[in-house]
Amino acid sequence: TVLYFVGIATCFGFAKDMSLFVKVLFILVPLILSGVMIG
């Protein structure tokens, strides 16, 4: 699950045609979910 969430965050991190807010949101949410999953 953590690998999946990190992969999603990485894919959105390399997306070029998104606004900064959307990009940060799509990166932070999977990373937060990864932290929760580990907890």
ModelCIF file with pLDDT and N, C-alpha, C, O atoms, coordinates in Angstrom:
data_MODEL
#
_entry.id   MODEL 
#
_entity.id                         1 
_entity.type                       polymer 
_entity.pdbx_number_of_molecules   1 
#
_entity_poly.entity_id                      1 
_entity_poly.type                           'polypeptide(L)' 
_entity_poly.nstd_linkage                   no 
_entity_poly.nstd_monomer                   no 
_entity_poly.pdbx_seq_one_letter_code       TVLYFVGIATCFGFAKDMSLFVKVLFILVPLILSGVMIG 
_entity_poly.pdbx_seq_one_letter_code_can   TVLYFVGIATCFGFAKDMSLFVKVLFILVPLILSGVMIG 
_entity_poly.pdbx_strand_id                 A 
#
loop_
_entity_poly_seq.entity_id 
_entity_poly_seq.num 
_entity_poly_seq.mon_id 
_entity_poly_seq.hetero 
1 1  THR n 
1 2  VAL n 
1 3  LEU n 
1 4  TYR n 
1 5  PHE n 
1 6  VAL n 
1 7  GLY n 
1 8  ILE n 
1 9  ALA n 
1 10 THR n 
1 11 CYS n 
1 12 PHE n 
1 13 GLY n 
1 14 PHE n 
1 15 ALA n 
1 16 LYS n 
1 17 ASP n 
1 18 MET n 
1 19 SER n 
1 20 LEU n 
1 21 PHE n 
1 22 VAL n 
1 23 LYS n 
1 24 VAL n 
1 25 LEU n 
1 26 PHE n 
1 27 ILE n 
1 28 LEU n 
1 29 VAL n 
1 30 PRO n 
1 31 LEU n 
1 32 ILE n 
1 33 LEU n 
1 34 SER n 
1 35 GLY n 
1 36 VAL n 
1 37 MET n 
1 38 ILE n 
1 39 GLY n 
#
_struct_asym.id          A 
_struct_asym.entity_id   1 
#
loop_
_ma_qa_metric.id 
_ma_qa_metric.mode 
_ma_qa_metric.name 
_ma_qa_metric.software_group_id 
_ma_qa_metric.type 
1 global pLDDT . pLDDT 
2 local  pLDDT . pLDDT 
#
_ma_qa_metric_global.metric_id      1 
_ma_qa_metric_global.metric_value   92.67 
_ma_qa_metric_global.model_id       1 
_ma_qa_metric_global.ordinal_id     1 
#
loop_
_ma_qa_metric_local.label_asym_id 
_ma_qa_metric_local.label_comp_id 
_ma_qa_metric_local.label_seq_id 
_ma_qa_metric_local.metric_id 
_ma_qa_metric_local.metric_value 
_ma_qa_metric_local.model_id 
_ma_qa_metric_local.ordinal_id 
A THR 1  2 96.00 1 1  
A VAL 2  2 96.00 1 2  
A LEU 3  2 96.00 1 3  
A TYR 4  2 96.00 1 4  
A PHE 5  2 95.00 1 5  
A VAL 6  2 94.00 1 6  
A GLY 7  2 94.00 1 7  
A ILE 8  2 94.00 1 8  
A ALA 9  2 92.00 1 9  
A THR 10 2 92.00 1 10 
A CYS 11 2 92.00 1 11 
A PHE 12 2 89.00 1 12 
A GLY 13 2 87.00 1 13 
A PHE 14 2 89.00 1 14 
A ALA 15 2 86.00 1 15 
A LYS 16 2 86.00 1 16 
A ASP 17 2 88.00 1 17 
A MET 18 2 87.00 1 18 
A SER 19 2 90.00 1 19 
A LEU 20 2 89.00 1 20 
A PHE 21 2 92.00 1 21 
A VAL 22 2 91.00 1 22 
A LYS 23 2 91.00 1 23 
A VAL 24 2 91.00 1 24 
A LEU 25 2 93.00 1 25 
A PHE 26 2 91.00 1 26 
A ILE 27 2 92.00 1 27 
A LEU 28 2 95.00 1 28 
A VAL 29 2 95.00 1 29 
A PRO 30 2 94.00 1 30 
A LEU 31 2 94.00 1 31 
A ILE 32 2 96.00 1 32 
A LEU 33 2 95.00 1 33 
A SER 34 2 96.00 1 34 
A GLY 35 2 96.00 1 35 
A VAL 36 2 96.00 1 36 
A MET 37 2 96.00 1 37 
A ILE 38 2 96.00 1 38 
A GLY 39 2 96.00 1 39 
#
loop_
_atom_site.group_PDB 
_atom_site.id 
_atom_site.type_symbol 
_atom_site.label_atom_id 
_atom_site.label_alt_id 
_atom_site.label_comp_id 
_atom_site.label_asym_id 
_atom_site.label_entity_id 
_atom_site.label_seq_id 
_atom_site.pdbx_PDB_ins_code 
_atom_site.Cartn_x 
_atom_site.Cartn_y 
_atom_site.Cartn_z 
_atom_site.occupancy 
_atom_site.B_iso_or_equiv 
_atom_site.pdbx_formal_charge 
_atom_site.auth_seq_id 
_atom_site.auth_comp_id 
_atom_site.auth_asym_id 
_atom_site.auth_atom_id 
_atom_site.pdbx_PDB_model_num 
ATOM 1   N N  . THR A 1 1  ? 0.822  -1.203 0.000   1.00 96.00 ? 1  THR A N  1 
ATOM 2   C CA . THR A 1 1  ? 0.000  0.000  0.000   1.00 96.00 ? 1  THR A CA 1 
ATOM 3   C C  . THR A 1 1  ? 0.863  1.262  0.000   1.00 96.00 ? 1  THR A C  1 
ATOM 4   O O  . THR A 1 1  ? 0.568  2.220  -0.714  1.00 96.00 ? 1  THR A O  1 
ATOM 5   N N  . VAL A 1 2  ? 1.926  1.259  0.801   1.00 96.00 ? 2  VAL A N  1 
ATOM 6   C CA . VAL A 1 2  ? 2.809  2.423  0.848   1.00 96.00 ? 2  VAL A CA 1 
ATOM 7   C C  . VAL A 1 2  ? 3.503  2.609  -0.504  1.00 96.00 ? 2  VAL A C  1 
ATOM 8   O O  . VAL A 1 2  ? 3.634  3.737  -0.979  1.00 96.00 ? 2  VAL A O  1 
ATOM 9   N N  . LEU A 1 3  ? 3.942  1.531  -1.118  1.00 96.00 ? 3  LEU A N  1 
ATOM 10  C CA . LEU A 1 3  ? 4.547  1.643  -2.448  1.00 96.00 ? 3  LEU A CA 1 
ATOM 11  C C  . LEU A 1 3  ? 3.555  2.208  -3.461  1.00 96.00 ? 3  LEU A C  1 
ATOM 12  O O  . LEU A 1 3  ? 3.929  3.009  -4.317  1.00 96.00 ? 3  LEU A O  1 
ATOM 13  N N  . TYR A 1 4  ? 2.309  1.800  -3.369  1.00 96.00 ? 4  TYR A N  1 
ATOM 14  C CA . TYR A 1 4  ? 1.264  2.306  -4.256  1.00 96.00 ? 4  TYR A CA 1 
ATOM 15  C C  . TYR A 1 4  ? 1.072  3.810  -4.060  1.00 96.00 ? 4  TYR A C  1 
ATOM 16  O O  . TYR A 1 4  ? 1.045  4.568  -5.029  1.00 96.00 ? 4  TYR A O  1 
ATOM 17  N N  . PHE A 1 5  ? 0.937  4.239  -2.791  1.00 95.00 ? 5  PHE A N  1 
ATOM 18  C CA . PHE A 1 5  ? 0.734  5.661  -2.507  1.00 95.00 ? 5  PHE A CA 1 
ATOM 19  C C  . PHE A 1 5  ? 1.940  6.499  -2.915  1.00 95.00 ? 5  PHE A C  1 
ATOM 20  O O  . PHE A 1 5  ? 1.776  7.597  -3.448  1.00 95.00 ? 5  PHE A O  1 
ATOM 21  N N  . VAL A 1 6  ? 3.138  6.002  -2.675  1.00 94.00 ? 6  VAL A N  1 
ATOM 22  C CA . VAL A 1 6  ? 4.342  6.739  -3.075  1.00 94.00 ? 6  VAL A CA 1 
ATOM 23  C C  . VAL A 1 6  ? 4.427  6.813  -4.602  1.00 94.00 ? 6  VAL A C  1 
ATOM 24  O O  . VAL A 1 6  ? 4.846  7.832  -5.151  1.00 94.00 ? 6  VAL A O  1 
ATOM 25  N N  . GLY A 1 7  ? 4.035  5.750  -5.277  1.00 94.00 ? 7  GLY A N  1 
ATOM 26  C CA . GLY A 1 7  ? 4.009  5.767  -6.738  1.00 94.00 ? 7  GLY A CA 1 
ATOM 27  C C  . GLY A 1 7  ? 3.038  6.800  -7.281  1.00 94.00 ? 7  GLY A C  1 
ATOM 28  O O  . GLY A 1 7  ? 3.342  7.505  -8.243  1.00 94.00 ? 7  GLY A O  1 
ATOM 29  N N  . ILE A 1 8  ? 1.869  6.886  -6.663  1.00 94.00 ? 8  ILE A N  1 
ATOM 30  C CA . ILE A 1 8  ? 0.888  7.895  -7.077  1.00 94.00 ? 8  ILE A CA 1 
ATOM 31  C C  . ILE A 1 8  ? 1.455  9.296  -6.865  1.00 94.00 ? 8  ILE A C  1 
ATOM 32  O O  . ILE A 1 8  ? 1.359  10.151 -7.746  1.00 94.00 ? 8  ILE A O  1 
ATOM 33  N N  . ALA A 1 9  ? 2.046  9.527  -5.690  1.00 92.00 ? 9  ALA A N  1 
ATOM 34  C CA . ALA A 1 9  ? 2.613  10.843 -5.394  1.00 92.00 ? 9  ALA A CA 1 
ATOM 35  C C  . ALA A 1 9  ? 3.727  11.188 -6.377  1.00 92.00 ? 9  ALA A C  1 
ATOM 36  O O  . ALA A 1 9  ? 3.845  12.336 -6.808  1.00 92.00 ? 9  ALA A O  1 
ATOM 37  N N  . THR A 1 10 ? 4.540  10.203 -6.731  1.00 92.00 ? 10 THR A N  1 
ATOM 38  C CA . THR A 1 10 ? 5.629  10.435 -7.675  1.00 92.00 ? 10 THR A CA 1 
ATOM 39  C C  . THR A 1 10 ? 5.091  10.783 -9.064  1.00 92.00 ? 10 THR A C  1 
ATOM 40  O O  . THR A 1 10 ? 5.596  11.696 -9.718  1.00 92.00 ? 10 THR A O  1 
ATOM 41  N N  . CYS A 1 11 ? 4.081  10.066 -9.503  1.00 92.00 ? 11 CYS A N  1 
ATOM 42  C CA . CYS A 1 11 ? 3.493  10.356 -10.823 1.00 92.00 ? 11 CYS A CA 1 
ATOM 43  C C  . CYS A 1 11 ? 2.924  11.769 -10.876 1.00 92.00 ? 11 CYS A C  1 
ATOM 44  O O  . CYS A 1 11 ? 3.132  12.487 -11.854 1.00 92.00 ? 11 CYS A O  1 
ATOM 45  N N  . PHE A 1 12 ? 2.212  12.166 -9.835  1.00 89.00 ? 12 PHE A N  1 
ATOM 46  C CA . PHE A 1 12 ? 1.670  13.522 -9.822  1.00 89.00 ? 12 PHE A CA 1 
ATOM 47  C C  . PHE A 1 12 ? 2.774  14.560 -9.663  1.00 89.00 ? 12 PHE A C  1 
ATOM 48  O O  . PHE A 1 12 ? 2.626  15.698 -10.109 1.00 89.00 ? 12 PHE A O  1 
ATOM 49  N N  . GLY A 1 13 ? 3.873  14.177 -9.035  1.00 87.00 ? 13 GLY A N  1 
ATOM 50  C CA . GLY A 1 13 ? 4.989  15.106 -8.892  1.00 87.00 ? 13 GLY A CA 1 
ATOM 51  C C  . GLY A 1 13 ? 5.629  15.453 -10.217 1.00 87.00 ? 13 GLY A C  1 
ATOM 52  O O  . GLY A 1 13 ? 6.135  16.562 -10.390 1.00 87.00 ? 13 GLY A O  1 
ATOM 53  N N  . PHE A 1 14 ? 5.614  14.517 -11.158 1.00 89.00 ? 14 PHE A N  1 
ATOM 54  C CA . PHE A 1 14 ? 6.207  14.761 -12.473 1.00 89.00 ? 14 PHE A CA 1 
ATOM 55  C C  . PHE A 1 14 ? 5.218  15.331 -13.487 1.00 89.00 ? 14 PHE A C  1 
ATOM 56  O O  . PHE A 1 14 ? 5.604  15.645 -14.612 1.00 89.00 ? 14 PHE A O  1 
ATOM 57  N N  . ALA A 1 15 ? 3.960  15.467 -13.108 1.00 86.00 ? 15 ALA A N  1 
ATOM 58  C CA . ALA A 1 15 ? 2.962  16.036 -14.022 1.00 86.00 ? 15 ALA A CA 1 
ATOM 59  C C  . ALA A 1 15 ? 3.276  17.505 -14.269 1.00 86.00 ? 15 ALA A C  1 
ATOM 60  O O  . ALA A 1 15 ? 3.573  18.245 -13.331 1.00 86.00 ? 15 ALA A O  1 
ATOM 61  N N  . LYS A 1 16 ? 3.213  17.927 -15.516 1.00 86.00 ? 16 LYS A N  1 
ATOM 62  C CA . LYS A 1 16 ? 3.625  19.287 -15.876 1.00 86.00 ? 16 LYS A CA 1 
ATOM 63  C C  . LYS A 1 16 ? 2.463  20.252 -16.039 1.00 86.00 ? 16 LYS A C  1 
ATOM 64  O O  . LYS A 1 16 ? 2.639  21.456 -15.852 1.00 86.00 ? 16 LYS A O  1 
ATOM 65  N N  . ASP A 1 17 ? 1.291  19.763 -16.381 1.00 88.00 ? 17 ASP A N  1 
ATOM 66  C CA . ASP A 1 17 ? 0.202  20.671 -16.706 1.00 88.00 ? 17 ASP A CA 1 
ATOM 67  C C  . ASP A 1 17 ? -0.814 20.821 -15.571 1.00 88.00 ? 17 ASP A C  1 
ATOM 68  O O  . ASP A 1 17 ? -2.020 20.877 -15.815 1.00 88.00 ? 17 ASP A O  1 
ATOM 69  N N  . MET A 1 18 ? -0.326 20.883 -14.342 1.00 87.00 ? 18 MET A N  1 
ATOM 70  C CA . MET A 1 18 ? -1.202 21.075 -13.186 1.00 87.00 ? 18 MET A CA 1 
ATOM 71  C C  . MET A 1 18 ? -0.781 22.340 -12.452 1.00 87.00 ? 18 MET A C  1 
ATOM 72  O O  . MET A 1 18 ? 0.380  22.747 -12.485 1.00 87.00 ? 18 MET A O  1 
ATOM 73  N N  . SER A 1 19 ? -1.755 22.947 -11.789 1.00 90.00 ? 19 SER A N  1 
ATOM 74  C CA . SER A 1 19 ? -1.400 24.100 -10.972 1.00 90.00 ? 19 SER A CA 1 
ATOM 75  C C  . SER A 1 19 ? -0.621 23.617 -9.738  1.00 90.00 ? 19 SER A C  1 
ATOM 76  O O  . SER A 1 19 ? -0.701 22.446 -9.366  1.00 90.00 ? 19 SER A O  1 
ATOM 77  N N  . LEU A 1 20 ? 0.109  24.503 -9.127  1.00 89.00 ? 20 LEU A N  1 
ATOM 78  C CA . LEU A 1 20 ? 0.943  24.142 -7.983  1.00 89.00 ? 20 LEU A CA 1 
ATOM 79  C C  . LEU A 1 20 ? 0.104  23.624 -6.823  1.00 89.00 ? 20 LEU A C  1 
ATOM 80  O O  . LEU A 1 20 ? 0.493  22.663 -6.158  1.00 89.00 ? 20 LEU A O  1 
ATOM 81  N N  . PHE A 1 21 ? -1.045 24.253 -6.572  1.00 92.00 ? 21 PHE A N  1 
ATOM 82  C CA . PHE A 1 21 ? -1.909 23.824 -5.467  1.00 92.00 ? 21 PHE A CA 1 
ATOM 83  C C  . PHE A 1 21 ? -2.397 22.399 -5.666  1.00 92.00 ? 21 PHE A C  1 
ATOM 84  O O  . PHE A 1 21 ? -2.351 21.590 -4.740  1.00 92.00 ? 21 PHE A O  1 
ATOM 85  N N  . VAL A 1 22 ? -2.859 22.091 -6.857  1.00 91.00 ? 22 VAL A N  1 
ATOM 86  C CA . VAL A 1 22 ? -3.368 20.746 -7.147  1.00 91.00 ? 22 VAL A CA 1 
ATOM 87  C C  . VAL A 1 22 ? -2.230 19.727 -7.057  1.00 91.00 ? 22 VAL A C  1 
ATOM 88  O O  . VAL A 1 22 ? -2.417 18.632 -6.528  1.00 91.00 ? 22 VAL A O  1 
ATOM 89  N N  . LYS A 1 23 ? -1.078 20.080 -7.564  1.00 91.00 ? 23 LYS A N  1 
ATOM 90  C CA . LYS A 1 23 ? 0.076  19.185 -7.522  1.00 91.00 ? 23 LYS A CA 1 
ATOM 91  C C  . LYS A 1 23 ? 0.479  18.884 -6.078  1.00 91.00 ? 23 LYS A C  1 
ATOM 92  O O  . LYS A 1 23 ? 0.725  17.731 -5.723  1.00 91.00 ? 23 LYS A O  1 
ATOM 93  N N  . VAL A 1 24 ? 0.544  19.923 -5.255  1.00 91.00 ? 24 VAL A N  1 
ATOM 94  C CA . VAL A 1 24 ? 0.905  19.727 -3.842  1.00 91.00 ? 24 VAL A CA 1 
ATOM 95  C C  . VAL A 1 24 ? -0.155 18.887 -3.140  1.00 91.00 ? 24 VAL A C  1 
ATOM 96  O O  . VAL A 1 24 ? 0.173  18.013 -2.337  1.00 91.00 ? 24 VAL A O  1 
ATOM 97  N N  . LEU A 1 25 ? -1.408 19.144 -3.437  1.00 93.00 ? 25 LEU A N  1 
ATOM 98  C CA . LEU A 1 25 ? -2.499 18.374 -2.831  1.00 93.00 ? 25 LEU A CA 1 
ATOM 99  C C  . LEU A 1 25 ? -2.423 16.900 -3.228  1.00 93.00 ? 25 LEU A C  1 
ATOM 100 O O  . LEU A 1 25 ? -2.577 16.015 -2.386  1.00 93.00 ? 25 LEU A O  1 
ATOM 101 N N  . PHE A 1 26 ? -2.184 16.643 -4.516  1.00 91.00 ? 26 PHE A N  1 
ATOM 102 C CA . PHE A 1 26 ? -2.114 15.270 -4.999  1.00 91.00 ? 26 PHE A CA 1 
ATOM 103 C C  . PHE A 1 26 ? -0.836 14.553 -4.576  1.00 91.00 ? 26 PHE A C  1 
ATOM 104 O O  . PHE A 1 26 ? -0.747 13.331 -4.695  1.00 91.00 ? 26 PHE A O  1 
ATOM 105 N N  . ILE A 1 27 ? 0.141  15.287 -4.090  1.00 92.00 ? 27 ILE A N  1 
ATOM 106 C CA . ILE A 1 27 ? 1.347  14.663 -3.548  1.00 92.00 ? 27 ILE A CA 1 
ATOM 107 C C  . ILE A 1 27 ? 1.204  14.450 -2.049  1.00 92.00 ? 27 ILE A C  1 
ATOM 108 O O  . ILE A 1 27 ? 1.585  13.399 -1.533  1.00 92.00 ? 27 ILE A O  1 
ATOM 109 N N  . LEU A 1 28 ? 0.659  15.437 -1.344  1.00 95.00 ? 28 LEU A N  1 
ATOM 110 C CA . LEU A 1 28 ? 0.567  15.340 0.116   1.00 95.00 ? 28 LEU A CA 1 
ATOM 111 C C  . LEU A 1 28 ? -0.434 14.291 0.590   1.00 95.00 ? 28 LEU A C  1 
ATOM 112 O O  . LEU A 1 28 ? -0.153 13.563 1.542   1.00 95.00 ? 28 LEU A O  1 
ATOM 113 N N  . VAL A 1 29 ? -1.573 14.202 -0.045  1.00 95.00 ? 29 VAL A N  1 
ATOM 114 C CA . VAL A 1 29 ? -2.604 13.256 0.408   1.00 95.00 ? 29 VAL A CA 1 
ATOM 115 C C  . VAL A 1 29 ? -2.094 11.808 0.390   1.00 95.00 ? 29 VAL A C  1 
ATOM 116 O O  . VAL A 1 29 ? -2.253 11.118 1.397   1.00 95.00 ? 29 VAL A O  1 
ATOM 117 N N  . PRO A 1 30 ? -1.495 11.314 -0.689  1.00 94.00 ? 30 PRO A N  1 
ATOM 118 C CA . PRO A 1 30 ? -0.980 9.942  -0.647  1.00 94.00 ? 30 PRO A CA 1 
ATOM 119 C C  . PRO A 1 30 ? 0.148  9.753  0.376   1.00 94.00 ? 30 PRO A C  1 
ATOM 120 O O  . PRO A 1 30 ? 0.262  8.688  0.982   1.00 94.00 ? 30 PRO A O  1 
ATOM 121 N N  . LEU A 1 31 ? 0.971  10.775 0.567   1.00 94.00 ? 31 LEU A N  1 
ATOM 122 C CA . LEU A 1 31 ? 2.047  10.651 1.548   1.00 94.00 ? 31 LEU A CA 1 
ATOM 123 C C  . LEU A 1 31 ? 1.498  10.623 2.978   1.00 94.00 ? 31 LEU A C  1 
ATOM 124 O O  . LEU A 1 31 ? 2.013  9.897  3.828   1.00 94.00 ? 31 LEU A O  1 
ATOM 125 N N  . ILE A 1 32 ? 0.464  11.407 3.236   1.00 96.00 ? 32 ILE A N  1 
ATOM 126 C CA . ILE A 1 32 ? -0.184 11.369 4.551   1.00 96.00 ? 32 ILE A CA 1 
ATOM 127 C C  . ILE A 1 32 ? -0.844 10.017 4.772   1.00 96.00 ? 32 ILE A C  1 
ATOM 128 O O  . ILE A 1 32 ? -0.747 9.447  5.859   1.00 96.00 ? 32 ILE A O  1 
ATOM 129 N N  . LEU A 1 33 ? -1.512 9.503  3.750   1.00 95.00 ? 33 LEU A N  1 
ATOM 130 C CA . LEU A 1 33 ? -2.132 8.184  3.858   1.00 95.00 ? 33 LEU A CA 1 
ATOM 131 C C  . LEU A 1 33 ? -1.083 7.092  4.085   1.00 95.00 ? 33 LEU A C  1 
ATOM 132 O O  . LEU A 1 33 ? -1.350 6.118  4.790   1.00 95.00 ? 33 LEU A O  1 
ATOM 133 N N  . SER A 1 34 ? 0.090  7.243  3.505   1.00 96.00 ? 34 SER A N  1 
ATOM 134 C CA . SER A 1 34 ? 1.179  6.289  3.739   1.00 96.00 ? 34 SER A CA 1 
ATOM 135 C C  . SER A 1 34 ? 1.603  6.313  5.202   1.00 96.00 ? 34 SER A C  1 
ATOM 136 O O  . SER A 1 34 ? 1.821  5.266  5.811   1.00 96.00 ? 34 SER A O  1 
ATOM 137 N N  . GLY A 1 35 ? 1.716  7.508  5.757   1.00 96.00 ? 35 GLY A N  1 
ATOM 138 C CA . GLY A 1 35 ? 2.067  7.624  7.173   1.00 96.00 ? 35 GLY A CA 1 
ATOM 139 C C  . GLY A 1 35 ? 1.030  7.000  8.080   1.00 96.00 ? 35 GLY A C  1 
ATOM 140 O O  . GLY A 1 35 ? 1.368  6.336  9.060   1.00 96.00 ? 35 GLY A O  1 
ATOM 141 N N  . VAL A 1 36 ? -0.231 7.212  7.754   1.00 96.00 ? 36 VAL A N  1 
ATOM 142 C CA . VAL A 1 36 ? -1.316 6.615  8.542   1.00 96.00 ? 36 VAL A CA 1 
ATOM 143 C C  . VAL A 1 36 ? -1.273 5.089  8.441   1.00 96.00 ? 36 VAL A C  1 
ATOM 144 O O  . VAL A 1 36 ? -1.460 4.387  9.434   1.00 96.00 ? 36 VAL A O  1 
ATOM 145 N N  . MET A 1 37 ? -1.028 4.595  7.253   1.00 96.00 ? 37 MET A N  1 
ATOM 146 C CA . MET A 1 37 ? -0.950 3.139  7.049   1.00 96.00 ? 37 MET A CA 1 
ATOM 147 C C  . MET A 1 37 ? 0.182  2.536  7.864   1.00 96.00 ? 37 MET A C  1 
ATOM 148 O O  . MET A 1 37 ? 0.018  1.467  8.451   1.00 96.00 ? 37 MET A O  1 
ATOM 149 N N  . ILE A 1 38 ? 1.317  3.198  7.907   1.00 96.00 ? 38 ILE A N  1 
ATOM 150 C CA . ILE A 1 38 ? 2.447  2.700  8.693   1.00 96.00 ? 38 ILE A CA 1 
ATOM 151 C C  . ILE A 1 38 ? 2.094  2.726  10.182  1.00 96.00 ? 38 ILE A C  1 
ATOM 152 O O  . ILE A 1 38 ? 2.430  1.796  10.915  1.00 96.00 ? 38 ILE A O  1 
ATOM 153 N N  . GLY A 1 39 ? 1.424  3.778  10.627  1.00 96.00 ? 39 GLY A N  1 
ATOM 154 C CA . GLY A 1 39 ? 1.002  3.853  12.027  1.00 96.00 ? 39 GLY A CA 1 
ATOM 155 C C  . GLY A 1 39 ? 0.043  2.742  12.411  1.00 96.00 ? 39 GLY A C  1 
ATOM 156 O O  . GLY A 1 39 ? -0.398 2.676  13.558  1.00 96.00 ? 39 GLY A O  1 
#
